Each structure stands twice: as C-alpha cells, then as structure tokens.
C-alpha cells in the first residue's frame, strides 16, 4: 500500500526523547518522508500532552528522565482502553540492552528499534507505521484489527458478528460464516522456517481478502484457522465465494517438481437466516459464536462442506451437499 501526501497529512506524530540531538536526528528522518512531528523531552509530559492531542504515532525513547518508555506505553494503553479510544501506534527506541525487557513485557508495543540504528532503518519503520495506520483508518478498526494483515482479531470478529446479527435479524436476512484453513502450511514451516512462513502466509491472506466484498470480514483465529463472516449471503453465494477463494489459493503454488507444496482451500460453512426478536439478538450472536468456537476444535480436512438453516435462540440446520 502506497501513501499519498494526503494520507501522510492525516496522521500526527510525537517524538518523546530526552536528548535534543537525538530528537533532531529523528525529526530529520521524518522530514525526508514529508512527516512533521512534535517533540517533548519528558515522558510524563508526553502522557499529559497525549491527553489533549490525539497523536496517531508515538516514537518513544525506552529510557526517560522520569518514567521509562514501557511505563509511558502502559499509561497510554490504559487510557485508550478506559475511554475506548483508537490506539496510537507506539514505537519504542532504545539500546540493545533494553530490548529483552521490551520483548518480555505484556505492554502492547507496536514496534521497536534497537540502537545504534541507521537512519534508513528508522525510515523503514516509519513507512511500516504509515501502512499500519492507513489500514486502521480504512477499516475503522482499533485493537480489533491485525494491522499487519488487515484481518480482524477473534475479539474483533465477535463484535462484528454481533453487530451484523442485530442489523440482519431485524429483517430476517441471511448471514454466512466459514471456517477456512490451508492444509500443508505446517510442512512449509518445517522446510523454510518461521520467518519465511509468516511472510508467505500473510501474502495468502492478503490475496484472499482481495476476493471479498467490502463488507465481508475475515479474521485470523488463535489456532491458525481463518473465519469469514459474510452478511446477506445465502448458500449459493457462499459456495461461489469459496470457489473464488480456492482459486486464489491455487495461485500461491510452487513449481510442479515440489508436489508437497501443492495447496488447496479447506472450508466448513454455515448459512442461516436470522430469526427471532431484536431483544434476543445478543443471545443469537452467542449461538453463532459458539458454532465458530466448536469448529476451531475440529480438524478441517481438504474440501468444502456446509450446513444451512435458521437461528434464533438455538441453531437449526442440516448438512448440504
């Protein structure tokens, strides 16, 4: 995803760095990207400043004169959660010795840079931040979206499912849910390693997302499966959509002399008409979410198999061929 000048102007940046010389060097890198940043020396002052200004990206020194960068991150994240704010993209910058604490911390840092670093590395990190923030703006997401892939998190999927059940149920419309996997990815991890595997898998997921309508939502689940929610889609439309996704998977193939790398889409889908009273839709959403969770604990061999029916306070469906 490329960023235009208009994209860049939509975002605000804050450098939190006690050393003025280091801050000037950071500002110079950002200026080469046509990005303007405010600067503050104290970490506690930065916390106060973010109360008044909704900064999109914070470039924070891990070492502060009053509190540490991780403590600043914890305070900002706590406020964001308390007020349901869109989270800032936080990059921690510090010496190599601080990185172990950053990596082992439970605080939600988006990225980090270990010093000494090159200007090009900081520039690369800022381009990555721009892509991530543009994705969040595009999908109207917060922590409910994985900013690297554009996929919903499980929490984001559950919230989206509840919203769609409430919307669709008022006119007794259809909703389609599909649990997807690509058998054989584990073999690729053994052959090529985790780093290459993550890059390759993210490419597949991005390719799948391009095949969807703009109001379909794809989520990455904790066990490696994907879950797709498609509002206003009946069974015929679901099977057509899964055929498109299967063709997209087919494009990610190696040469024919590597038969172990051949991949196909495996899918289990549920198409239901949402019935019942609007006062029950929260429980209806729970019924559908439980169906998703049950599929997460089942193996999904190759092929497409599905069920269709209706749902209110219980799920009534039959398997379809």
Protein backbone atom coordinates (compact mmCIF):
# COMPACT_ATOMS: atom_id res chain seq x y z
CA UNK A 1 0.00 0.00 0.00
CA UNK A 2 1.44 3.32 -1.01
CA UNK A 3 0.84 6.55 0.85
CA UNK A 4 -0.04 9.82 -0.85
CA UNK A 5 0.67 13.23 0.64
CA UNK A 6 -2.97 13.37 1.68
CA UNK A 7 -2.53 10.10 3.63
CA UNK A 8 0.50 11.46 5.46
CA UNK A 9 -1.18 14.71 6.40
CA UNK A 10 -3.96 12.80 8.15
CA UNK A 11 -1.61 11.46 10.82
CA UNK A 12 0.05 13.23 13.75
CA UNK A 13 3.40 12.24 15.27
CA UNK A 14 5.09 12.81 18.63
CA UNK A 15 8.76 12.18 19.45
CA UNK A 16 9.39 11.51 23.15
CA UNK A 17 13.16 11.82 23.58
CA UNK A 18 15.16 13.42 26.45
CA UNK A 19 18.21 14.04 24.21
CA UNK A 20 17.60 17.04 21.95
CA UNK A 21 20.30 15.98 19.48
CA UNK A 22 18.77 12.53 19.02
CA UNK A 23 15.34 14.11 18.62
CA UNK A 24 16.65 16.41 15.87
CA UNK A 25 18.10 13.42 14.04
CA UNK A 26 14.74 11.62 14.25
CA UNK A 27 12.91 14.72 13.06
CA UNK A 28 15.24 14.96 10.06
CA UNK A 29 14.38 11.39 9.04
CA UNK A 30 10.66 12.10 9.33
CA UNK A 31 11.03 15.32 7.31
CA UNK A 32 12.52 13.31 4.44
CA UNK A 33 9.21 11.42 4.43
CA UNK A 34 7.26 14.71 4.49
CA UNK A 35 6.14 13.96 8.05
CA UNK A 36 6.05 16.62 10.74
CA UNK A 37 6.46 15.64 14.39
CA UNK A 38 6.17 17.41 17.72
CA UNK A 39 8.90 16.81 20.30
CA UNK A 40 8.75 16.57 24.08
CA UNK A 41 11.65 15.68 26.41
CA UNK A 42 9.80 14.30 29.42
CA UNK A 43 7.81 11.06 29.33
CA UNK A 44 5.28 12.21 31.93
CA UNK A 45 4.84 15.44 30.00
CA UNK A 46 4.20 13.32 26.90
CA UNK A 47 1.43 11.46 28.74
CA UNK A 48 -0.17 14.79 29.62
CA UNK A 49 0.25 16.05 26.06
CA UNK A 50 -1.50 13.00 24.60
CA UNK A 51 -4.47 13.82 26.81
CA UNK A 52 -5.00 16.99 24.77
CA UNK A 53 -3.76 15.92 21.33
CA UNK A 54 -4.81 12.65 19.69
CA UNK A 55 -1.43 11.61 18.28
CA UNK A 56 -1.58 8.73 15.81
CA UNK A 57 2.04 7.65 16.25
CA UNK A 58 4.41 7.94 19.23
CA UNK A 59 8.16 7.49 18.74
CA UNK A 60 9.29 6.88 22.33
CA UNK A 61 12.72 6.54 23.93
CA UNK A 62 12.84 3.45 26.14
CA UNK A 63 14.84 5.43 28.73
CA UNK A 64 13.28 8.53 30.29
CA UNK A 65 14.27 11.01 32.96
CA UNK A 66 11.06 10.47 34.93
CA UNK A 67 9.47 7.18 33.80
CA UNK A 68 10.50 4.58 31.23
CA UNK A 69 9.12 4.18 27.75
CA UNK A 70 7.30 1.00 28.78
CA UNK A 71 5.65 2.82 31.67
CA UNK A 72 4.53 5.55 29.29
CA UNK A 73 3.11 2.87 26.99
CA UNK A 74 1.20 1.27 29.87
CA UNK A 75 -0.35 4.60 30.86
CA UNK A 76 -1.37 5.45 27.29
CA UNK A 77 -2.84 1.99 26.68
CA UNK A 78 -4.78 2.08 29.95
CA UNK A 79 -6.35 5.40 28.99
CA UNK A 80 -7.19 4.12 25.49
CA UNK A 81 -8.92 1.04 26.93
CA UNK A 82 -10.76 3.04 29.58
CA UNK A 83 -12.13 5.54 27.04
CA UNK A 84 -12.48 3.15 24.07
CA UNK A 85 -10.09 5.30 22.03
CA UNK A 86 -8.41 4.31 18.79
CA UNK A 87 -4.93 3.24 19.93
CA UNK A 88 -1.82 5.12 18.91
CA UNK A 89 0.93 3.31 17.03
CA UNK A 90 3.84 3.17 19.51
CA UNK A 91 7.47 2.58 18.51
CA UNK A 92 9.99 2.18 21.34
CA UNK A 93 13.58 3.20 20.60
CA UNK A 94 16.46 2.28 22.89
CA UNK A 95 19.75 0.46 23.41
CA UNK A 96 20.06 -3.25 22.74
CA UNK A 97 20.10 -3.95 26.48
CA UNK A 98 16.53 -2.64 26.84
CA UNK A 99 15.10 -4.91 24.16
CA UNK A 100 14.82 -8.00 26.37
CA UNK A 101 12.56 -6.09 28.73
CA UNK A 102 10.52 -4.79 25.78
CA UNK A 103 10.08 -8.24 24.25
CA UNK A 104 9.14 -9.88 27.57
CA UNK A 105 6.75 -7.10 28.59
CA UNK A 106 3.00 -7.59 28.49
CA UNK A 107 2.51 -3.98 27.39
CA UNK A 108 1.24 -3.59 23.84
CA UNK A 109 4.06 -2.00 21.85
CA UNK A 110 3.62 -2.00 18.07
CA UNK A 111 7.29 -1.90 17.08
CA UNK A 112 10.77 -1.23 18.44
CA UNK A 113 14.21 -0.15 17.23
CA UNK A 114 17.43 -1.24 18.95
CA UNK A 115 20.29 1.24 18.90
CA UNK A 116 22.60 2.10 17.41
CA UNK A 117 20.45 2.19 14.27
CA UNK A 118 20.74 3.65 10.79
CA UNK A 119 18.52 6.44 9.53
CA UNK A 120 17.31 4.07 6.82
CA UNK A 121 16.07 1.67 9.50
CA UNK A 122 14.03 4.40 11.17
CA UNK A 123 12.70 5.44 7.77
CA UNK A 124 11.69 1.84 7.06
CA UNK A 125 9.92 1.62 10.44
CA UNK A 126 8.01 4.82 9.75
CA UNK A 127 6.84 3.57 6.36
CA UNK A 128 5.63 0.43 8.09
CA UNK A 129 3.79 2.54 10.66
CA UNK A 130 2.12 4.53 7.87
CA UNK A 131 0.87 1.35 6.23
CA UNK A 132 -0.49 0.07 9.52
CA UNK A 133 -2.24 3.33 10.40
CA UNK A 134 -3.72 3.60 6.90
CA UNK A 135 -5.18 0.10 7.31
CA UNK A 136 -6.75 1.09 10.61
CA UNK A 137 -8.26 4.20 9.05
CA UNK A 138 -9.52 2.24 6.07
CA UNK A 139 -11.30 -0.40 8.13
CA UNK A 140 -12.32 1.84 11.01
CA UNK A 141 -10.54 -0.52 13.37
CA UNK A 142 -8.64 -0.33 16.62
CA UNK A 143 -7.16 -3.28 18.51
CA UNK A 144 -9.84 -5.35 16.79
CA UNK A 145 -7.69 -5.40 13.65
CA UNK A 146 -4.32 -7.01 12.96
CA UNK A 147 -2.55 -4.04 11.39
CA UNK A 148 0.00 -6.17 9.53
CA UNK A 149 -2.53 -8.27 7.57
CA UNK A 150 -5.74 -6.23 7.70
CA UNK A 151 -7.54 -9.22 9.27
CA UNK A 152 -9.80 -8.96 12.29
CA UNK A 153 -8.71 -10.46 15.60
CA UNK A 154 -11.04 -13.02 17.26
CA UNK A 155 -12.34 -10.24 19.52
CA UNK A 156 -12.97 -8.03 16.51
CA UNK A 157 -14.79 -10.84 14.72
CA UNK A 158 -17.09 -11.46 17.66
CA UNK A 159 -18.01 -7.77 17.88
CA UNK A 160 -18.60 -7.57 14.13
CA UNK A 161 -20.75 -10.73 14.23
CA UNK A 162 -22.91 -9.23 16.98
CA UNK A 163 -23.40 -6.01 15.01
CA UNK A 164 -24.41 -7.89 11.87
CA UNK A 165 -26.83 -10.20 13.70
CA UNK A 166 -28.52 -7.12 15.13
CA UNK A 167 -28.73 -5.49 11.69
CA UNK A 168 -29.71 -8.53 9.64
CA UNK A 169 -32.11 -10.02 12.20
CA UNK A 170 -34.47 -7.03 12.03
CA UNK A 171 -35.44 -8.09 8.51
CA UNK A 172 -34.81 -11.84 8.92
CA UNK A 173 -31.92 -11.82 6.47
CA UNK A 174 -29.12 -14.28 5.81
CA UNK A 175 -25.63 -14.45 7.27
CA UNK A 176 -22.87 -16.78 6.14
CA UNK A 177 -19.91 -17.92 8.25
CA UNK A 178 -17.00 -20.02 7.01
CA UNK A 179 -14.06 -21.57 8.84
CA UNK A 180 -11.10 -21.76 6.46
CA UNK A 181 -7.70 -23.38 6.50
CA UNK A 182 -4.92 -24.30 4.11
CA UNK A 183 -3.70 -27.81 4.94
CA UNK A 184 0.01 -28.30 4.39
CA UNK A 185 1.31 -24.99 5.71
CA UNK A 186 2.95 -26.81 8.63
CA UNK A 187 5.13 -28.72 6.15
CA UNK A 188 6.25 -25.44 4.61
CA UNK A 189 7.23 -24.11 8.04
CA UNK A 190 9.48 -27.13 8.58
CA UNK A 191 11.10 -26.62 5.18
CA UNK A 192 11.52 -22.85 5.11
CA UNK A 193 11.40 -21.58 8.71
CA UNK A 194 9.06 -19.37 10.73
CA UNK A 195 10.13 -16.01 9.26
CA UNK A 196 9.62 -17.05 5.67
CA UNK A 197 6.38 -18.82 6.63
CA UNK A 198 4.88 -15.67 8.17
CA UNK A 199 5.73 -13.66 5.06
CA UNK A 200 4.25 -16.33 2.79
CA UNK A 201 1.09 -16.81 4.87
CA UNK A 202 0.41 -13.07 5.06
CA UNK A 203 0.59 -12.96 1.28
CA UNK A 204 -2.05 -15.66 1.02
CA UNK A 205 -4.36 -13.92 3.49
CA UNK A 206 -3.99 -10.60 1.62
CA UNK A 207 -4.84 -12.38 -1.63
CA UNK A 208 -7.96 -13.89 -0.07
CA UNK A 209 -9.07 -10.53 1.28
CA UNK A 210 -8.95 -9.01 -2.21
CA UNK A 211 -11.54 -11.56 -3.38
CA UNK A 212 -14.14 -10.42 -0.84
CA UNK A 213 -16.84 -7.79 -0.88
CA UNK A 214 -16.03 -4.64 1.05
CA UNK A 215 -18.42 -5.58 3.88
CA UNK A 216 -17.21 -9.18 4.30
CA UNK A 217 -14.87 -9.63 7.23
CA UNK A 218 -12.01 -12.11 7.51
CA UNK A 219 -10.46 -12.90 10.90
CA UNK A 220 -7.30 -14.71 11.93
CA UNK A 221 -8.09 -17.12 14.76
CA UNK A 222 -5.73 -18.23 17.51
CA UNK A 223 -5.17 -21.75 16.17
CA UNK A 224 -4.19 -20.72 12.65
CA UNK A 225 -7.65 -21.02 11.07
CA UNK A 226 -9.42 -18.13 9.37
CA UNK A 227 -13.06 -17.26 9.91
CA UNK A 228 -15.10 -15.35 7.33
CA UNK A 229 -18.41 -13.59 8.08
CA UNK A 230 -20.43 -12.59 5.01
CA UNK A 231 -23.66 -10.67 5.64
CA UNK A 232 -26.65 -11.08 3.30
CA UNK A 233 -25.21 -14.15 1.58
CA UNK A 234 -27.14 -17.38 1.07
CA UNK A 235 -25.70 -20.83 0.41
CA UNK A 236 -25.37 -20.46 -3.36
CA UNK A 237 -23.49 -17.20 -2.94
CA UNK A 238 -21.31 -18.74 -0.24
CA UNK A 239 -20.24 -21.64 -2.42
CA UNK A 240 -19.44 -19.26 -5.28
CA UNK A 241 -17.37 -17.12 -2.94
CA UNK A 242 -15.47 -20.13 -1.59
CA UNK A 243 -14.72 -21.20 -5.16
CA UNK A 244 -13.12 -17.78 -5.77
CA UNK A 245 -11.06 -18.10 -2.59
CA UNK A 246 -9.96 -21.59 -3.61
CA UNK A 247 -8.79 -20.25 -6.96
CA UNK A 248 -6.80 -17.52 -5.16
CA UNK A 249 -5.10 -20.18 -3.04
CA UNK A 250 -4.24 -22.05 -6.23
CA UNK A 251 -2.22 -19.06 -7.43
CA UNK A 252 0.18 -19.49 -4.49
CA UNK A 253 1.89 -22.60 -5.79
CA UNK A 254 5.47 -23.61 -6.28
CA UNK A 255 6.89 -25.34 -9.31
CA UNK A 256 5.43 -28.69 -10.28
CA UNK A 257 8.54 -30.54 -9.10
CA UNK A 258 7.62 -29.73 -5.48
CA UNK A 259 4.43 -31.81 -5.02
CA UNK A 260 4.43 -31.37 -1.22
CA UNK A 261 3.81 -27.65 -1.68
CA UNK A 262 0.51 -28.06 -3.56
CA UNK A 263 -2.21 -26.33 -1.57
CA UNK A 264 -6.00 -26.28 -1.63
CA UNK A 265 -8.62 -24.49 0.45
CA UNK A 266 -10.45 -26.39 3.18
CA UNK A 267 -13.73 -24.83 4.34
CA UNK A 268 -16.67 -25.53 6.65
CA UNK A 269 -19.53 -23.07 6.24
CA UNK A 270 -22.85 -22.24 7.90
CA UNK A 271 -25.59 -20.24 6.15
CA UNK A 272 -28.51 -19.26 8.36
CA UNK A 273 -31.49 -16.93 8.30
CA UNK A 274 -31.54 -14.85 11.47
CA UNK A 275 -34.96 -15.05 13.13
CA UNK A 276 -36.39 -14.01 16.48
CA UNK A 277 -36.96 -10.86 18.49
CA UNK A 278 -34.47 -8.00 18.48
CA UNK A 279 -34.25 -8.30 22.28
CA UNK A 280 -32.76 -11.77 21.79
CA UNK A 281 -30.14 -10.89 19.20
CA UNK A 282 -27.28 -10.82 21.72
CA UNK A 283 -28.02 -14.44 22.62
CA UNK A 284 -28.42 -15.29 18.93
CA UNK A 285 -24.97 -13.88 18.31
CA UNK A 286 -23.61 -16.08 21.12
CA UNK A 287 -25.12 -19.16 19.45
CA UNK A 288 -23.31 -18.39 16.20
CA UNK A 289 -20.06 -17.57 18.00
CA UNK A 290 -20.26 -20.94 19.78
CA UNK A 291 -20.54 -22.62 16.38
CA UNK A 292 -17.32 -20.90 15.32
CA UNK A 293 -15.55 -21.96 18.54
CA UNK A 294 -16.63 -25.58 18.07
CA UNK A 295 -15.22 -25.62 14.53
CA UNK A 296 -11.94 -24.28 15.90
CA UNK A 297 -11.51 -27.51 17.87
CA UNK A 298 -12.18 -29.79 14.91
CA UNK A 299 -9.81 -30.83 12.13
CA UNK A 300 -10.67 -29.30 8.76
CA UNK A 301 -9.57 -31.72 6.03
CA UNK A 302 -9.49 -30.71 2.38
CA UNK A 303 -12.73 -29.90 0.62
CA UNK A 304 -15.82 -27.78 1.21
CA UNK A 305 -18.70 -28.91 3.42
CA UNK A 306 -21.54 -26.87 4.85
CA UNK A 307 -24.83 -26.54 6.68
CA UNK A 308 -27.82 -24.30 6.07
CA UNK A 309 -30.83 -23.41 8.22
CA UNK A 310 -32.04 -20.78 10.68
CA UNK A 311 -31.07 -19.41 14.09
CA UNK A 312 -32.73 -17.56 16.96
CA UNK A 313 -32.05 -18.84 20.48
CA UNK A 314 -30.88 -22.12 19.01
CA UNK A 315 -29.33 -23.30 15.77
CA UNK A 316 -31.43 -25.41 13.40
CA UNK A 317 -29.52 -26.54 10.34
CA UNK A 318 -28.93 -29.51 8.08
CA UNK A 319 -25.88 -30.60 6.17
CA UNK A 320 -25.94 -29.78 2.47
CA UNK A 321 -24.05 -31.47 -0.33
